[in-house]
Amino acid sequence: MYVAANPTTAHQASDDNVKSRTLLMSNAEGAGENSEWQKGGARFQGKRHSEYFDPCQEAADRSLKCLRRNGGDRGMCTDYFQAYKDCKQRWMEEMKEAKRKEGKSWFG
């Protein structure tokens, strides 16, 4: 027959287990100041935000909203699709021109 332990003693034992596990985790390899996570974290926090964004995101959202509104009928949303394509084409041309002016190219 199994007799339950004193609840107070059982609670204290579980607290001791938690404390010992916490101590082991804090003393574990990689938990110190120079852990891999902390080394990588500094690199990612210092990363510059992207200089570019998608100026055509609003047109893309409108075309998707049109599709949802019309039950996926692409024929009803051709104007929205064309507006997105035109926006994307203008943006790509502007990006090419900016890179050309900066003298940056793929090959040199």
N, C-alpha and C. Protein backbone atom coordinates (compact mmCIF):
# COMPACT_ATOMS: atom_id res chain seq x y z
N MET A 1 0.83 -1.17 0.00
CA MET A 1 0.00 0.00 0.00
C MET A 1 0.88 1.24 0.00
N TYR A 2 0.49 2.27 -0.80
CA TYR A 2 1.26 3.50 -0.94
C TYR A 2 0.72 4.54 0.02
N VAL A 3 1.62 5.17 0.76
CA VAL A 3 1.23 6.23 1.68
C VAL A 3 1.80 7.52 1.14
N ALA A 4 0.96 8.54 0.99
CA ALA A 4 1.40 9.83 0.46
C ALA A 4 2.33 10.50 1.45
N ALA A 5 3.30 11.16 0.92
CA ALA A 5 4.26 11.89 1.76
C ALA A 5 3.60 13.13 2.31
N ASN A 6 4.21 13.68 3.30
CA ASN A 6 3.73 14.92 3.89
C ASN A 6 3.72 16.00 2.80
N PRO A 7 2.59 16.69 2.54
CA PRO A 7 2.53 17.68 1.46
C PRO A 7 3.55 18.79 1.62
N THR A 8 3.82 19.21 2.84
CA THR A 8 4.80 20.27 3.05
C THR A 8 6.18 19.80 2.64
N THR A 9 6.54 18.59 3.00
CA THR A 9 7.84 18.04 2.64
C THR A 9 7.95 17.85 1.14
N ALA A 10 6.87 17.40 0.50
CA ALA A 10 6.89 17.21 -0.95
C ALA A 10 7.05 18.54 -1.67
N HIS A 11 6.40 19.58 -1.17
CA HIS A 11 6.50 20.91 -1.78
C HIS A 11 7.92 21.45 -1.65
N GLN A 12 8.53 21.26 -0.47
CA GLN A 12 9.90 21.72 -0.27
C GLN A 12 10.86 20.97 -1.18
N ALA A 13 10.63 19.68 -1.37
CA ALA A 13 11.49 18.88 -2.24
C ALA A 13 11.40 19.36 -3.67
N SER A 14 10.17 19.69 -4.13
CA SER A 14 10.05 20.17 -5.51
C SER A 14 10.70 21.53 -5.67
N ASP A 15 10.62 22.40 -4.64
CA ASP A 15 11.31 23.69 -4.70
C ASP A 15 12.81 23.50 -4.79
N ASP A 16 13.34 22.52 -4.03
CA ASP A 16 14.77 22.25 -4.07
C ASP A 16 15.18 21.75 -5.46
N ASN A 17 14.33 20.92 -6.08
CA ASN A 17 14.63 20.43 -7.43
C ASN A 17 14.67 21.57 -8.43
N VAL A 18 13.72 22.50 -8.32
CA VAL A 18 13.69 23.64 -9.24
C VAL A 18 14.93 24.49 -9.05
N LYS A 19 15.31 24.73 -7.80
CA LYS A 19 16.50 25.54 -7.52
C LYS A 19 17.75 24.88 -8.08
N SER A 20 17.86 23.55 -7.90
CA SER A 20 19.06 22.87 -8.39
C SER A 20 19.10 22.86 -9.91
N ARG A 21 17.92 22.70 -10.57
CA ARG A 21 17.89 22.74 -12.03
C ARG A 21 18.25 24.13 -12.54
N THR A 22 17.76 25.16 -11.85
CA THR A 22 18.07 26.53 -12.25
C THR A 22 19.56 26.79 -12.11
N LEU A 23 20.15 26.30 -11.02
CA LEU A 23 21.57 26.47 -10.80
C LEU A 23 22.36 25.75 -11.88
N LEU A 24 21.94 24.54 -12.24
CA LEU A 24 22.63 23.80 -13.30
C LEU A 24 22.54 24.53 -14.63
N MET A 25 21.37 25.09 -14.91
CA MET A 25 21.19 25.80 -16.17
C MET A 25 22.04 27.06 -16.20
N SER A 26 22.13 27.75 -15.07
CA SER A 26 22.91 28.98 -15.06
C SER A 26 24.40 28.70 -15.13
N ASN A 27 24.82 27.52 -14.66
CA ASN A 27 26.24 27.16 -14.73
C ASN A 27 26.57 26.34 -15.97
N ALA A 28 25.58 26.03 -16.77
CA ALA A 28 25.79 25.20 -17.95
C ALA A 28 26.63 25.93 -18.98
N GLU A 29 27.24 25.14 -19.85
CA GLU A 29 28.04 25.72 -20.93
C GLU A 29 27.14 26.55 -21.83
N GLY A 30 27.57 27.74 -22.17
CA GLY A 30 26.79 28.60 -23.05
C GLY A 30 25.87 29.55 -22.31
N ALA A 31 25.79 29.43 -21.00
CA ALA A 31 24.90 30.31 -20.26
C ALA A 31 25.65 31.53 -19.72
N GLY A 32 26.96 31.57 -19.90
CA GLY A 32 27.75 32.69 -19.41
C GLY A 32 27.60 33.92 -20.26
N GLU A 33 28.42 34.92 -19.97
CA GLU A 33 28.34 36.19 -20.68
C GLU A 33 28.67 36.05 -22.16
N ASN A 34 29.53 35.13 -22.53
CA ASN A 34 29.97 35.01 -23.92
C ASN A 34 29.33 33.83 -24.64
N SER A 35 28.07 33.56 -24.34
CA SER A 35 27.40 32.44 -25.01
C SER A 35 27.20 32.76 -26.48
N GLU A 36 26.96 31.72 -27.26
CA GLU A 36 26.74 31.90 -28.70
C GLU A 36 25.55 32.80 -28.96
N TRP A 37 24.51 32.65 -28.15
CA TRP A 37 23.31 33.47 -28.34
C TRP A 37 23.64 34.94 -28.14
N GLN A 38 24.40 35.25 -27.12
CA GLN A 38 24.71 36.65 -26.85
C GLN A 38 25.66 37.22 -27.89
N LYS A 39 26.60 36.41 -28.38
CA LYS A 39 27.50 36.88 -29.44
C LYS A 39 26.70 37.20 -30.70
N GLY A 40 25.78 36.31 -31.06
CA GLY A 40 24.96 36.53 -32.24
C GLY A 40 23.97 37.66 -32.05
N GLY A 41 23.47 37.82 -30.84
CA GLY A 41 22.50 38.88 -30.56
C GLY A 41 23.08 40.26 -30.81
N ALA A 42 24.33 40.45 -30.43
CA ALA A 42 24.97 41.75 -30.66
C ALA A 42 25.10 42.02 -32.15
N ARG A 43 25.41 40.99 -32.91
CA ARG A 43 25.55 41.16 -34.36
C ARG A 43 24.21 41.55 -34.98
N PHE A 44 23.12 40.92 -34.55
CA PHE A 44 21.82 41.22 -35.14
C PHE A 44 21.28 42.56 -34.67
N GLN A 45 21.58 42.96 -33.45
CA GLN A 45 21.10 44.25 -32.97
C GLN A 45 21.81 45.39 -33.67
N GLY A 46 23.05 45.18 -34.07
CA GLY A 46 23.81 46.21 -34.75
C GLY A 46 23.54 46.28 -36.24
N LYS A 47 22.73 45.36 -36.75
CA LYS A 47 22.44 45.30 -38.18
C LYS A 47 21.62 46.51 -38.60
N ARG A 48 21.99 47.10 -39.73
CA ARG A 48 21.24 48.24 -40.25
C ARG A 48 19.91 47.78 -40.81
N HIS A 49 18.93 48.66 -40.69
CA HIS A 49 17.64 48.37 -41.30
C HIS A 49 17.79 48.47 -42.81
N SER A 50 16.96 47.77 -43.52
CA SER A 50 17.01 47.78 -44.97
C SER A 50 16.75 49.18 -45.49
N GLU A 51 17.50 49.58 -46.50
CA GLU A 51 17.31 50.90 -47.09
C GLU A 51 16.13 50.89 -48.05
N TYR A 52 15.70 49.71 -48.42
CA TYR A 52 14.66 49.59 -49.43
C TYR A 52 13.39 49.04 -48.81
N PHE A 53 12.29 49.44 -49.34
CA PHE A 53 11.01 48.90 -48.95
C PHE A 53 10.21 48.75 -50.23
N ASP A 54 9.10 48.09 -50.15
CA ASP A 54 8.28 47.87 -51.34
C ASP A 54 7.22 48.96 -51.41
N PRO A 55 7.41 49.95 -52.27
CA PRO A 55 6.42 51.02 -52.38
C PRO A 55 5.13 50.54 -53.04
N CYS A 56 5.14 49.35 -53.57
CA CYS A 56 3.97 48.80 -54.26
C CYS A 56 3.14 47.90 -53.35
N GLN A 57 3.48 47.85 -52.07
CA GLN A 57 2.75 46.97 -51.16
C GLN A 57 1.28 47.34 -51.07
N GLU A 58 0.98 48.62 -51.13
CA GLU A 58 -0.42 49.05 -51.06
C GLU A 58 -1.21 48.52 -52.27
N ALA A 59 -0.61 48.58 -53.45
CA ALA A 59 -1.27 48.06 -54.65
C ALA A 59 -1.44 46.54 -54.55
N ALA A 60 -0.46 45.87 -53.99
CA ALA A 60 -0.56 44.42 -53.81
C ALA A 60 -1.69 44.08 -52.85
N ASP A 61 -1.78 44.82 -51.76
CA ASP A 61 -2.85 44.59 -50.79
C ASP A 61 -4.22 44.81 -51.41
N ARG A 62 -4.33 45.86 -52.23
CA ARG A 62 -5.62 46.13 -52.88
C ARG A 62 -6.01 45.00 -53.83
N SER A 63 -5.04 44.45 -54.56
CA SER A 63 -5.37 43.37 -55.49
C SER A 63 -5.80 42.11 -54.73
N LEU A 64 -5.14 41.82 -53.61
CA LEU A 64 -5.54 40.66 -52.80
C LEU A 64 -6.92 40.86 -52.18
N LYS A 65 -7.17 42.09 -51.74
CA LYS A 65 -8.48 42.40 -51.17
C LYS A 65 -9.57 42.22 -52.22
N CYS A 66 -9.29 42.63 -53.46
CA CYS A 66 -10.24 42.46 -54.55
C CYS A 66 -10.53 40.98 -54.79
N LEU A 67 -9.48 40.16 -54.77
CA LEU A 67 -9.67 38.72 -54.96
C LEU A 67 -10.56 38.13 -53.88
N ARG A 68 -10.32 38.52 -52.64
CA ARG A 68 -11.14 38.01 -51.54
C ARG A 68 -12.59 38.47 -51.69
N ARG A 69 -12.75 39.72 -52.06
CA ARG A 69 -14.10 40.30 -52.18
C ARG A 69 -14.89 39.63 -53.30
N ASN A 70 -14.20 39.23 -54.38
CA ASN A 70 -14.87 38.65 -55.54
C ASN A 70 -14.75 37.13 -55.62
N GLY A 71 -14.43 36.51 -54.53
CA GLY A 71 -14.40 35.05 -54.49
C GLY A 71 -13.33 34.43 -55.37
N GLY A 72 -12.22 35.12 -55.58
CA GLY A 72 -11.11 34.57 -56.35
C GLY A 72 -11.24 34.74 -57.85
N ASP A 73 -12.23 35.51 -58.30
CA ASP A 73 -12.42 35.74 -59.74
C ASP A 73 -11.39 36.76 -60.23
N ARG A 74 -10.35 36.27 -60.91
CA ARG A 74 -9.26 37.13 -61.36
C ARG A 74 -9.72 38.14 -62.41
N GLY A 75 -10.72 37.79 -63.18
CA GLY A 75 -11.22 38.69 -64.21
C GLY A 75 -11.78 39.99 -63.65
N MET A 76 -12.28 39.95 -62.43
CA MET A 76 -12.84 41.14 -61.80
C MET A 76 -11.75 42.08 -61.28
N CYS A 77 -10.52 41.59 -61.17
CA CYS A 77 -9.46 42.36 -60.52
C CYS A 77 -8.32 42.72 -61.46
N THR A 78 -8.53 42.64 -62.76
CA THR A 78 -7.43 42.90 -63.70
C THR A 78 -6.88 44.31 -63.58
N ASP A 79 -7.72 45.29 -63.28
CA ASP A 79 -7.23 46.66 -63.11
C ASP A 79 -6.27 46.76 -61.92
N TYR A 80 -6.60 46.07 -60.84
CA TYR A 80 -5.73 46.08 -59.67
C TYR A 80 -4.40 45.39 -59.98
N PHE A 81 -4.46 44.27 -60.71
CA PHE A 81 -3.23 43.57 -61.08
C PHE A 81 -2.35 44.43 -61.97
N GLN A 82 -2.97 45.12 -62.91
CA GLN A 82 -2.21 45.97 -63.82
C GLN A 82 -1.58 47.14 -63.08
N ALA A 83 -2.30 47.71 -62.12
CA ALA A 83 -1.74 48.80 -61.31
C ALA A 83 -0.52 48.32 -60.54
N TYR A 84 -0.58 47.10 -60.00
CA TYR A 84 0.55 46.54 -59.27
C TYR A 84 1.74 46.31 -60.21
N LYS A 85 1.48 45.74 -61.38
CA LYS A 85 2.56 45.48 -62.34
C LYS A 85 3.22 46.78 -62.78
N ASP A 86 2.41 47.81 -63.04
CA ASP A 86 2.96 49.10 -63.45
C ASP A 86 3.81 49.72 -62.35
N CYS A 87 3.31 49.64 -61.13
CA CYS A 87 4.06 50.18 -59.99
C CYS A 87 5.39 49.45 -59.83
N LYS A 88 5.35 48.14 -59.90
CA LYS A 88 6.57 47.34 -59.74
C LYS A 88 7.58 47.64 -60.84
N GLN A 89 7.09 47.81 -62.07
CA GLN A 89 7.97 48.12 -63.19
C GLN A 89 8.63 49.49 -62.99
N ARG A 90 7.85 50.49 -62.58
CA ARG A 90 8.43 51.82 -62.32
C ARG A 90 9.47 51.75 -61.22
N TRP A 91 9.18 51.01 -60.17
CA TRP A 91 10.10 50.91 -59.05
C TRP A 91 11.41 50.24 -59.47
N MET A 92 11.32 49.16 -60.24
CA MET A 92 12.52 48.47 -60.71
C MET A 92 13.35 49.37 -61.62
N GLU A 93 12.69 50.15 -62.47
CA GLU A 93 13.42 51.08 -63.33
C GLU A 93 14.13 52.14 -62.50
N GLU A 94 13.47 52.66 -61.47
CA GLU A 94 14.10 53.64 -60.59
C GLU A 94 15.30 53.04 -59.86
N MET A 95 15.17 51.79 -59.41
CA MET A 95 16.28 51.13 -58.72
C MET A 95 17.46 50.92 -59.66
N LYS A 96 17.19 50.51 -60.89
CA LYS A 96 18.27 50.33 -61.87
C LYS A 96 18.98 51.64 -62.13
N GLU A 97 18.20 52.70 -62.29
CA GLU A 97 18.79 54.02 -62.56
C GLU A 97 19.63 54.49 -61.37
N ALA A 98 19.15 54.28 -60.17
CA ALA A 98 19.91 54.68 -58.98
C ALA A 98 21.22 53.91 -58.89
N LYS A 99 21.19 52.62 -59.18
CA LYS A 99 22.43 51.82 -59.15
C LYS A 99 23.37 52.23 -60.26
N ARG A 100 22.82 52.56 -61.42
CA ARG A 100 23.66 53.00 -62.53
C ARG A 100 24.37 54.30 -62.16
N LYS A 101 23.66 55.22 -61.53
CA LYS A 101 24.25 56.50 -61.12
C LYS A 101 25.32 56.31 -60.05
N GLU A 102 25.12 55.33 -59.17
CA GLU A 102 26.10 55.05 -58.13
C GLU A 102 27.30 54.30 -58.67
N GLY A 103 27.18 53.76 -59.86
CA GLY A 103 28.28 53.01 -60.46
C GLY A 103 28.35 51.57 -60.00
N LYS A 104 27.30 51.09 -59.37
CA LYS A 104 27.28 49.70 -58.92
C LYS A 104 26.70 48.83 -60.02
N SER A 105 27.34 47.71 -60.25
CA SER A 105 26.81 46.75 -61.21
C SER A 105 27.10 45.35 -60.70
N TRP A 106 26.54 44.37 -61.33
CA TRP A 106 26.74 42.99 -60.93
C TRP A 106 28.17 42.52 -61.21
N PHE A 107 28.80 43.11 -62.21
CA PHE A 107 30.09 42.60 -62.65
C PHE A 107 31.26 43.51 -62.31
N GLY A 108 31.06 44.44 -61.44
CA GLY A 108 32.24 45.23 -61.16
C GLY A 108 31.97 46.37 -60.34
